[in-house]
Each structure stands twice: as structure tokens, then as C-alpha cells.
Protein backbone atom coordinates (compact mmCIF):
# COMPACT_ATOMS: atom_id res chain seq x y z
CA MET A 1 68.68 92.89 74.63
CA ILE A 2 66.81 92.50 77.90
CA GLU A 3 63.07 91.77 77.86
CA ALA A 4 61.94 95.20 79.17
CA VAL A 5 63.93 96.99 76.47
CA GLU A 6 62.42 94.73 73.78
CA ARG A 7 58.95 95.78 74.95
CA LEU A 8 60.00 99.43 75.06
CA VAL A 9 61.38 99.27 71.51
CA LYS A 10 58.05 97.92 70.24
CA LEU A 11 56.26 100.88 71.81
CA LEU A 12 58.75 103.34 70.34
CA GLU A 13 58.42 101.89 66.86
CA ARG A 14 54.79 102.99 66.89
CA GLU A 15 55.82 106.61 67.49
CA ASN A 16 56.92 109.00 64.77
CA VAL A 17 60.15 109.87 66.56
CA GLU A 18 63.83 108.97 66.61
CA TRP A 19 64.80 107.23 69.83
CA GLU A 20 67.63 105.83 71.90
CA VAL A 21 67.43 103.48 74.89
CA PHE A 22 70.32 103.22 77.37
CA TYR A 23 70.12 100.65 80.14
CA GLN A 24 72.31 99.57 83.05
CA PHE A 25 72.29 97.01 85.79
CA GLY A 26 74.90 95.85 88.26
CA ARG A 27 76.00 95.54 91.84
CA SER A 28 78.89 96.57 94.05
CA GLY A 29 80.34 95.82 97.44
CA SER A 30 82.26 98.61 99.17
CA PHE A 31 84.13 98.47 102.47
CA ARG A 32 85.47 101.34 104.54
CA ILE A 33 88.32 100.85 107.01
CA GLU A 34 88.93 103.44 109.74
CA ARG A 35 91.84 103.18 112.16
CA GLU A 36 92.66 99.66 110.94
CA THR A 37 89.12 98.47 111.69
CA LEU A 38 86.46 97.59 109.18
CA GLU A 39 83.78 100.17 109.99
CA ARG A 40 81.35 99.97 107.10
CA SER A 41 80.27 97.34 104.60
CA GLN A 42 77.82 98.28 101.92
CA ARG A 43 76.17 96.29 99.18
CA LYS A 44 74.41 98.12 96.37
CA PHE A 45 72.31 97.08 93.42
CA TYR A 46 71.26 99.37 90.63
CA SER A 47 69.30 99.11 87.40
CA GLY A 48 67.33 101.36 85.14
CA ILE A 49 66.47 102.53 81.66
CA GLY A 50 67.08 105.96 80.14
CA LEU A 51 65.18 107.10 77.04
CA ARG A 52 66.09 109.95 74.68
CA VAL A 53 63.62 110.97 71.98
CA GLY A 54 64.30 113.28 69.03
CA LEU A 55 61.34 115.16 67.60
CA LYS A 56 61.39 118.06 65.10
CA GLY A 57 64.93 119.03 66.04
CA ARG A 58 64.35 118.91 69.81
CA LEU A 59 65.41 116.38 72.41
CA GLY A 60 63.39 114.86 75.24
CA PHE A 61 64.76 112.64 78.01
CA SER A 62 63.26 110.54 80.77
CA TYR A 63 64.18 107.46 82.77
CA ILE A 64 62.84 104.77 85.07
CA THR A 65 64.59 102.70 87.72
CA GLY A 66 64.44 98.91 87.66
CA LEU A 67 64.34 96.46 84.78
CA HIS A 68 60.91 94.96 85.30
CA PRO A 69 58.48 97.80 84.55
CA SER A 70 54.86 97.14 83.74
CA GLU A 71 53.49 97.93 80.29
CA GLU A 72 51.82 101.00 81.74
CA GLU A 73 55.12 102.26 83.20
CA LEU A 74 56.81 101.85 79.82
CA LYS A 75 54.02 103.75 78.07
CA LYS A 76 54.35 106.59 80.57
CA LEU A 77 58.12 106.64 80.03
CA VAL A 78 57.57 107.12 76.29
CA GLU A 79 54.87 109.72 76.84
CA ARG A 80 57.09 111.76 79.18
CA ALA A 81 60.06 111.73 76.80
CA VAL A 82 57.89 112.70 73.80
CA LYS A 83 56.13 115.44 75.78
CA LEU A 84 59.46 116.86 76.92
CA ALA A 85 60.78 116.78 73.35
CA LYS A 86 57.78 118.88 72.20
CA ILE A 87 58.52 121.66 74.70
CA SER A 88 62.28 121.21 74.92
CA GLU A 89 64.82 123.87 73.99
CA VAL A 90 67.59 121.27 73.79
CA PRO A 91 68.59 120.86 70.12
CA PHE A 92 68.56 117.36 68.64
CA ARG A 93 71.33 116.43 66.20
CA GLY A 94 70.37 112.82 65.56
CA PHE A 95 71.72 109.61 67.05
CA PRO A 96 74.84 107.74 65.92
CA ALA A 97 74.46 105.18 63.14
CA SER A 98 75.39 101.55 63.54
CA GLY A 99 79.09 100.91 62.90
CA ARG A 100 81.89 98.47 63.58
CA VAL A 101 82.65 98.02 67.27
CA ASN A 102 85.78 96.11 68.27
CA ARG A 103 85.50 94.47 71.67
CA VAL A 104 88.10 95.55 74.23
CA LYS A 105 89.78 92.65 76.02
CA GLY A 106 90.30 92.28 79.72
CA ILE A 107 87.59 94.57 81.08
CA TYR A 108 85.57 91.70 82.57
CA ASP A 109 86.79 89.25 85.23
CA GLY A 110 84.53 86.33 86.18
CA GLU A 111 86.23 86.10 89.60
CA ILE A 112 84.90 89.53 90.57
CA ASP A 113 81.49 88.77 89.08
CA GLU A 114 81.15 85.50 90.98
CA ILE A 115 82.72 86.40 94.33
CA PRO A 116 80.05 86.21 97.07
CA PHE A 117 79.59 89.31 99.22
CA GLU A 118 80.70 87.29 102.24
CA GLU A 119 84.03 86.51 100.52
CA ALA A 120 84.50 90.17 99.61
CA HIS A 121 83.78 91.05 103.25
CA LYS A 122 86.41 88.53 104.34
CA LEU A 123 88.92 90.13 101.97
CA ALA A 124 88.19 93.54 103.52
CA LEU A 125 88.79 92.09 107.00
CA GLU A 126 92.12 90.74 105.79
CA TYR A 127 92.96 94.21 104.45
CA ALA A 128 92.25 95.71 107.88
CA GLU A 129 94.38 93.02 109.54
CA LEU A 130 97.18 93.73 107.08
CA MET A 131 97.05 97.41 108.12
CA ARG A 132 97.37 96.43 111.80
CA GLU A 133 100.40 94.29 110.98
CA LYS A 134 102.18 96.98 108.98
CA LYS A 135 101.44 100.08 111.03
CA GLY A 136 104.05 101.87 113.07
CA LYS A 137 103.11 105.20 114.63
CA GLU A 138 100.69 105.82 111.78
CA THR A 139 96.91 105.62 111.84
CA LEU A 140 95.76 103.73 108.78
CA SER A 141 92.50 103.90 106.90
CA GLY A 142 91.38 102.89 103.44
CA SER A 143 88.76 101.35 101.24
CA LEU A 144 88.13 98.35 99.06
CA SER A 145 85.44 98.02 96.42
CA LEU A 146 84.38 95.37 93.93
CA ALA A 147 81.77 95.89 91.23
CA VAL A 148 80.26 94.34 88.15
CA GLY A 149 77.99 96.14 85.71
CA THR A 150 76.30 95.79 82.34
CA SER A 151 75.34 98.63 80.03
CA GLY A 152 73.53 98.58 76.71
CA VAL A 153 72.49 100.98 73.94
CA VAL A 154 69.74 100.48 71.36
CA ASN A 155 68.61 103.17 68.93
CA SER A 156 66.40 103.77 65.91
CA ASN A 157 69.46 103.86 63.64
CA GLY A 158 70.16 100.17 64.19
CA ILE A 159 72.60 100.25 67.08
CA GLU A 160 72.17 97.31 69.48
CA LEU A 161 75.12 96.88 71.84
CA GLU A 162 75.72 95.47 75.31
CA GLU A 163 78.86 95.13 77.43
CA ARG A 164 79.73 93.73 80.85
CA SER A 165 82.70 94.96 82.88
CA THR A 166 84.20 94.58 86.34
CA TYR A 167 86.05 96.86 88.71
CA MET A 168 88.26 96.65 91.78
CA GLY A 169 89.31 99.78 93.68
CA VAL A 170 91.88 99.99 96.49
CA SER A 171 92.89 102.98 98.57
CA ALA A 172 95.00 103.54 101.66
CA TYR A 173 95.57 106.59 103.88
CA ALA A 174 98.23 107.01 106.56
CA VAL A 175 98.26 109.81 109.15
CA LEU A 176 101.03 110.71 111.58
CA SER A 177 100.14 113.11 114.38
CA GLU A 178 103.54 114.17 115.76
CA PRO A 179 105.19 115.45 113.69
CA PRO A 180 102.19 115.75 111.38
CA GLY A 181 102.30 113.92 108.10
CA THR A 182 99.90 112.28 105.67
CA GLY A 183 100.22 109.79 102.86
CA SER A 184 97.79 108.22 100.43
CA TYR A 185 97.61 105.72 97.59
CA ARG A 186 94.81 104.66 95.28
CA GLN A 187 94.56 102.35 92.32
CA SER A 188 91.85 100.64 90.31
CA PHE A 189 91.71 97.51 88.18
CA THR A 190 89.37 95.48 86.01
CA SER A 191 90.35 92.15 87.61
CA LEU A 192 90.68 90.71 91.10
CA GLN A 193 94.11 91.50 92.56
CA PRO A 194 96.27 89.41 94.89
CA VAL A 195 96.97 90.42 98.49
CA GLU A 196 100.33 91.82 97.35
CA GLU A 197 98.47 94.72 95.78
CA LEU A 198 96.84 95.52 99.14
CA GLU A 199 100.25 95.39 100.82
CA ARG A 200 101.61 97.70 98.17
CA ALA A 201 98.83 100.23 98.85
CA VAL A 202 99.53 100.28 102.60
CA GLU A 203 103.30 100.49 102.20
CA LYS A 204 103.03 103.35 99.70
CA ALA A 205 100.77 105.33 102.02
CA ILE A 206 103.06 104.74 105.04
CA ASP A 207 106.21 105.72 103.11
CA GLU A 208 104.56 108.91 101.94
CA ALA A 209 103.30 109.82 105.44
CA ARG A 210 106.78 109.38 106.91
CA LEU A 211 108.21 111.55 104.13
CA SER A 212 105.51 114.16 104.71
CA ALA A 213 106.25 114.25 108.46
CA ARG A 214 109.83 115.29 107.70
CA ALA A 215 108.77 117.93 105.17
CA ARG A 216 109.27 121.66 105.70
CA LYS A 217 108.35 124.61 103.52
CA LEU A 218 110.88 125.18 100.74
CA GLU A 219 112.43 128.60 100.07
CA PRO A 220 110.89 130.20 96.96
CA TYR A 221 112.21 128.50 93.86
CA SER A 222 111.99 129.19 90.16
CA GLY A 223 113.49 127.01 87.46
CA GLU A 224 113.63 123.43 86.24
CA LEU A 225 111.70 120.92 88.32
CA VAL A 226 110.16 117.51 87.87
CA LEU A 227 106.44 116.75 88.21
CA GLU A 228 105.51 113.20 89.19
CA SER A 229 102.41 111.57 87.69
CA ASN A 230 100.09 112.67 90.50
CA ALA A 231 101.05 116.32 90.07
CA LEU A 232 100.87 116.02 86.29
CA ALA A 233 97.33 114.68 86.56
CA SER A 234 96.30 117.90 88.35
CA ILE A 235 98.03 120.09 85.76
CA MET A 236 96.44 118.13 82.91
CA GLU A 237 93.01 118.55 84.48
CA VAL A 238 93.39 122.34 84.22
CA PHE A 239 94.48 122.03 80.59
CA LEU A 240 92.07 119.30 79.55
CA SER A 241 88.86 121.29 79.95
CA ASN A 242 90.02 123.28 76.91
CA LEU A 243 89.75 120.09 74.83
CA TYR A 244 86.16 119.20 75.73
CA GLY A 245 83.95 119.66 72.66
CA ASP A 246 81.14 121.39 74.57
CA GLU A 247 83.60 123.90 76.07
CA VAL A 248 85.01 124.56 72.59
CA TYR A 249 81.55 125.01 71.05
CA HIS A 250 80.37 127.40 73.77
CA GLY A 251 83.55 129.49 73.58
CA ARG A 252 84.82 128.48 77.01
CA SER A 253 88.04 127.02 75.61
CA ARG A 254 91.36 128.56 74.60
CA PHE A 255 90.92 126.73 71.28
CA SER A 256 88.30 127.07 68.53
CA LYS A 257 89.70 124.45 66.17
CA PRO A 258 92.60 121.96 66.05
CA GLY A 259 95.98 123.23 64.95
CA ASP A 260 97.23 125.40 67.81
CA GLU A 261 100.70 124.70 69.17
CA VAL A 262 100.87 123.98 72.91
CA GLY A 263 104.32 122.44 73.41
CA SER A 264 106.20 119.36 72.27
CA PHE A 265 104.36 116.53 74.07
CA THR A 266 101.76 113.99 72.93
CA LEU A 267 98.53 113.43 74.86
CA VAL A 268 96.16 110.60 73.92
CA ASP A 269 92.72 109.44 75.04
CA ASP A 270 92.34 105.70 74.45
CA SER A 271 89.36 103.59 75.49
CA THR A 272 90.62 100.52 73.58
CA LEU A 273 93.52 99.55 75.85
CA PRO A 274 92.99 96.11 77.42
CA GLU A 275 92.64 95.62 81.19
CA LEU A 276 92.37 99.30 82.10
CA PRO A 277 89.57 100.79 84.20
CA GLY A 278 88.82 103.56 81.69
CA SER A 279 88.37 101.19 78.75
CA TYR A 280 85.15 100.34 76.92
CA SER A 281 84.15 99.01 73.51
CA PHE A 282 81.48 101.68 72.89
CA ASP A 283 80.48 104.87 74.62
CA GLY A 284 77.14 105.91 76.14
CA GLU A 285 75.66 106.65 72.71
CA GLY A 286 76.93 103.47 71.03
CA SER A 287 79.81 105.14 69.18
CA PRO A 288 82.86 102.86 69.00
CA GLY A 289 85.62 103.42 71.53
CA GLN A 290 88.82 104.61 69.93
CA ARG A 291 92.33 105.98 70.32
CA THR A 292 92.26 109.76 69.90
CA VAL A 293 95.39 111.86 69.69
CA LEU A 294 94.37 115.08 71.45
CA VAL A 295 97.80 116.68 71.29
CA GLY A 296 100.33 115.21 68.87
CA ASP A 297 103.94 116.46 68.92
CA GLY A 298 102.75 119.60 70.64
CA ILE A 299 99.91 120.45 68.22
CA VAL A 300 96.21 120.22 69.20
CA ARG A 301 94.94 117.48 66.86
CA ASN A 302 91.43 116.76 68.11
CA PHE A 303 88.89 117.40 70.85
CA LEU A 304 86.97 115.06 73.16
CA LEU A 305 83.60 114.71 71.43
CA ASP A 306 80.24 113.05 71.73
CA HIS A 307 77.84 112.77 68.79
CA THR A 308 76.05 116.07 69.45
CA TYR A 309 79.04 118.37 69.83
CA ALA A 310 80.91 116.61 67.04
CA SER A 311 77.94 117.53 64.84
CA PHE A 312 77.95 121.14 66.07
CA LEU A 313 81.67 121.47 65.31
CA GLY A 314 81.54 119.63 61.98
CA MET A 315 83.72 116.83 63.31
CA GLU A 316 83.39 113.10 64.09
CA SER A 317 82.54 111.70 67.53
CA THR A 318 85.59 110.41 69.38
CA GLY A 319 83.46 108.01 71.45
CA ASN A 320 83.71 110.05 74.65
CA ALA A 321 80.04 110.19 75.66
CA LEU A 322 79.78 109.04 79.27
CA ARG A 323 76.52 108.61 81.18
CA THR A 324 74.31 106.67 83.55
CA PHE A 325 70.73 105.64 82.84
CA ARG A 326 69.67 108.65 84.96
CA SER A 327 71.55 111.18 82.82
CA VAL A 328 71.92 112.36 79.26
CA PRO A 329 75.42 111.83 77.84
CA TYR A 330 78.21 114.14 78.90
CA ILE A 331 81.75 114.39 77.56
CA GLY A 332 84.55 112.76 79.56
CA THR A 333 87.86 110.97 79.23
CA SER A 334 88.49 107.22 79.05
CA ASN A 335 92.19 106.41 79.63
CA LEU A 336 94.38 109.48 79.34
CA ILE A 337 98.01 108.88 78.33
CA LEU A 338 100.91 111.31 78.32
CA GLU A 339 103.29 109.61 75.90
CA PRO A 340 106.81 108.95 77.25
CA GLY A 341 109.98 110.67 76.05
CA GLU A 342 113.51 109.35 75.70
CA GLU A 343 115.16 110.47 78.92
CA SER A 344 115.07 108.53 82.18
CA LEU A 345 114.16 110.77 85.12
CA GLU A 346 114.20 108.07 87.78
CA ASP A 347 117.56 109.25 89.13
CA TYR A 348 116.84 112.94 88.66
CA GLU A 349 118.49 115.22 91.20
CA GLY A 350 116.80 118.55 91.92
CA VAL A 351 113.32 119.72 92.87
CA ILE A 352 110.54 117.13 92.46
CA VAL A 353 106.84 117.77 93.07
CA ARG A 354 104.82 114.65 93.88
CA LYS A 355 101.33 115.90 94.74
CA VAL A 356 99.41 119.16 94.49
CA PHE A 357 95.79 120.07 95.03
CA GLY A 358 93.43 122.95 94.30
CA GLU A 359 93.14 122.54 90.52
CA HIS A 360 89.41 123.36 90.76
CA THR A 361 90.41 126.96 91.65
CA ALA A 362 92.38 127.43 88.41
CA ASN A 363 91.08 129.41 85.44
CA PRO A 364 91.21 126.88 82.60
CA VAL A 365 90.79 129.44 79.79
CA SER A 366 93.44 131.90 80.96
CA GLY A 367 95.45 128.95 82.28
CA ASP A 368 96.43 130.69 85.52
CA PHE A 369 96.76 128.34 88.49
CA SER A 370 97.93 128.37 92.09
CA LEU A 371 98.15 124.87 93.54
CA THR A 372 99.13 123.84 97.06
CA VAL A 373 102.04 121.42 97.21
CA GLU A 374 100.92 118.47 99.29
CA LEU A 375 104.33 116.82 99.02
CA GLY A 376 107.57 117.38 97.16
CA TYR A 377 111.24 116.73 97.76
CA VAL A 378 114.68 117.91 96.74
CA VAL A 379 117.27 115.29 95.81
CA GLU A 380 120.91 116.31 96.31
CA ASN A 381 123.76 113.79 96.06
CA GLY A 382 121.25 111.03 96.55
CA GLU A 383 119.89 112.58 99.75
CA LEU A 384 116.17 113.31 99.84
CA LYS A 385 114.81 116.47 101.55
CA PRO A 386 111.00 116.61 101.56
CA PHE A 387 108.93 119.81 101.46
CA LYS A 388 105.27 120.77 101.52
CA ASP A 389 102.83 123.71 101.84
CA ASN A 390 104.49 125.76 99.10
CA MET A 391 102.36 126.98 96.21
CA LEU A 392 103.08 125.88 92.64
CA VAL A 393 102.01 128.94 90.65
CA GLY A 394 102.01 129.85 86.98
CA ASN A 395 100.13 129.47 83.74
CA VAL A 396 99.32 126.01 82.44
CA PHE A 397 99.91 126.91 78.77
CA GLU A 398 103.31 128.42 79.55
CA LEU A 399 104.24 125.47 81.76
CA LEU A 400 103.23 122.88 79.16
CA ARG A 401 105.38 124.57 76.53
CA THR A 402 108.40 123.56 78.63
CA LEU A 403 107.21 120.01 79.37
CA LYS A 404 109.62 117.16 78.55
CA PRO A 405 108.31 113.71 79.54
CA GLY A 406 110.57 111.00 80.89
CA LYS A 407 110.35 107.42 79.70
CA GLU A 408 109.10 105.34 82.66
CA ILE A 409 105.28 105.28 82.76
CA GLU A 410 103.30 105.14 86.01
CA ARG A 411 99.57 104.38 86.09
CA ILE A 412 97.13 106.05 88.47
CA SER A 413 93.80 104.38 87.66
CA SER A 414 93.06 105.61 84.11
CA PHE A 415 95.84 108.21 83.91
CA LEU A 416 99.15 106.98 82.52
CA SER A 417 102.16 109.24 82.57
CA PRO A 418 105.91 109.37 83.12
CA ARG A 419 107.58 111.99 85.25
CA ALA A 420 108.20 115.18 83.29
CA ILE A 421 110.58 118.12 83.47
CA VAL A 422 109.01 121.60 83.37
CA GLU A 423 110.04 125.17 84.11
CA GLY A 424 108.04 126.02 87.24
CA ARG A 425 107.79 128.38 90.18
CA LEU A 426 107.30 127.54 93.86
CA VAL A 427 106.43 130.28 96.34
């Protein structure tokens, strides 16, 4: 526990309240490349302390930035949180109790932690140079980011936890002007990656842009098609909001309790997987990270829950409280996994949708969606015919009832999924 938090805890122990302290500190280096030239380098530091106080069934929250506050600043932090709790209309359902937390492996890499900013800047310059070497008629852009951060939770129920993690993010964008085409690739890691990963990002973006430049609008189609992982991530985003505990509690979900049938697939949230960017040992309230089967063999088995909404629904927290020191906890995913099936779809011939966008316009409760196809292709006798600008339309609950996952998993940051066959409609 850092020194400022120790002093804050002593102040809180004099108050007749329940309390929780959440603190963070870290730094990041981010680099933006435009037209194969490094245009922006940014170094950021952040630190702060968030305080939640429970008093007579009501919750107060306040925060301060920095980790070296004076005694007077700490006293004012406590006074603000207590004062807000007295007038708050936010219900307080207690804080989690201390429990067993298993440490997740591979979420911290000393190489990222120790790399000087100048070395990170040099790596970004090499990334820009790599783009210049690989470009054809495309214009290439992208980003590179490295970060290290520490977060900790201490509460009046005996929780005292701290964890350090690292992050590396890579993205690449390719644009062709005539004929017009675009391609993109992004990935994130918990450890420093070799230059081959940067090459992979650029090559993926270029390949996609060249495919996009050849794409034409497809005639309306209805029937069996394959969704690649990127498109599945958009579809799952529409569906997933129905599994958030706060949406369930407030009646904004299709579901009111586990048990409904939604298809034949299995969907899991798992923060305990090693070396993945969505992993953590404990969530923003100190509840242990865990593997949660959200949909098992097509049946809704559980919801994504923090301590508060688990209490409201008479369930157990699934360790999905996310937050910063500036915010109260909110429910979110860690690593989301669509479990693979038995059939290989790598050599599938037919209509394949790679990317869609517009999921924010969908109605998650009714399930109705209309998504623009950014890129798809038809495979016939091994020949590939790309298409784009169609609309993938339908209802997410009806579509998921037909979903049959393939067996080869692809990872896009913290979303892991195989291709999957569905019955869909393109207009």
C-alpha cells in the first residue's frame, strides 16, 4: 500500500462509515504515424486516488489526482465523500469482503516497464520506416503505444490488493485512392513484441485495402454465410448489452434471469487467461477475476456483474467491475471468448463477411440491427470476389440461433473467436 493511501486509511478509520480506496498510477508513450511519417509523440503520466464511502445505505464518491496529497487535502477528500453520501440518492449495497485472489500470469513485462521513452520513440520511427518500405500505391498510417500501470484496492472489509500490468498496442491503416479501398489492422499485447508483429500489421492492412479496392456491391443475398471474427465482434456487442447486470436490473435487457435459450453456442468472459490484454487478478472493487460462462450450450447461464448489481439481483459478483480512480465502478467485459466448434471453416466457399460497422445504431433489446458491410467476399472454386457497402440486416437473437462456430480461433485484442456460420441477409 502506498504511503498516501496508508494516511488516508487512518483518517477513514476515525469515521463511522464503510469505505473503499481505489488508486492508480502509471505512464504511457503513444506515437501516431501519418502518411508513413511519425507525426506525433506523446508521453503521459497519471495518478490519483478515488474514495467511495457508504453511509446509512447511501453512497458518496470523490477523488483527487496525484499520489502525494497533503494531510489537509486528504481530510477534504474524506469530508467531500462523506458529505455526498449524506445527500446521495445512490444506494449503497456494501463493499466486497476479502477473499482468495489467484494472480494471473503474463500480464506484466519488465521490458515494457523499463524501456526508455527515447527507445520507444526509436521503435516508432522504425515502424514508420517499415511502412515506407512496404507501401505500394497505398497511403499508410498507424499507431504504436506502450504503457505500464499499477492499480490497488483497499476497503473496510479487509481487502488490500495491488497489481501491475503492461500493454502494447499496434494499429495500421492503408488507403488506396483510385480505385478507392481501405484496410486496417489492430492488436494489443501485454508484452513487448518483435518487429515481425509490426510487419504483420502493415501487411494485413495493405492486403485488406487491395481487396477493398476490388470490391463491388453484392446483389441482395439471403441464406448461409460466414462471419469472420471482426464481424462477430460487432454482432456480439449488440447481444452483449443484454447480459450486463445493470441493464438486466433496470429492465433494459431481453433477459430477467438466467435460463433463456439463445442458440447452441458457448460464450465466456474470462479475466484469468495468461498474457491477454483483458486479464486481471481482481476487478475494480477487489473481487477476484474469474471465468464466467455467460452462455453455455445455448442457454444464458450468468450475467456480467459487479458487487452492487449482483446484490440487487441476488447473485454473486463475476468480477467485472471496471473503473479508473476518477470514476465509480461500471460493468464491462475482460476477455470475451466464443468457444470453437468442430468444423473447419478455413476453406469455406460461399459468402463471407469480414467487417461491419454501425452496431451502435442497433436496438439491443429488440435485437434489430442494420450494419454496413465494410468488407466481405464470395469464394467460388477458390476464386475470391470481394464486396462492400451492402447492409447486413436482421435480428441478433434470430441470427444467433443459427450460429455454428468453426474451430480455428482468431484473437482481436481481448475478443477471441473462430469464424462462424449463420443464416443472414445482405441487402
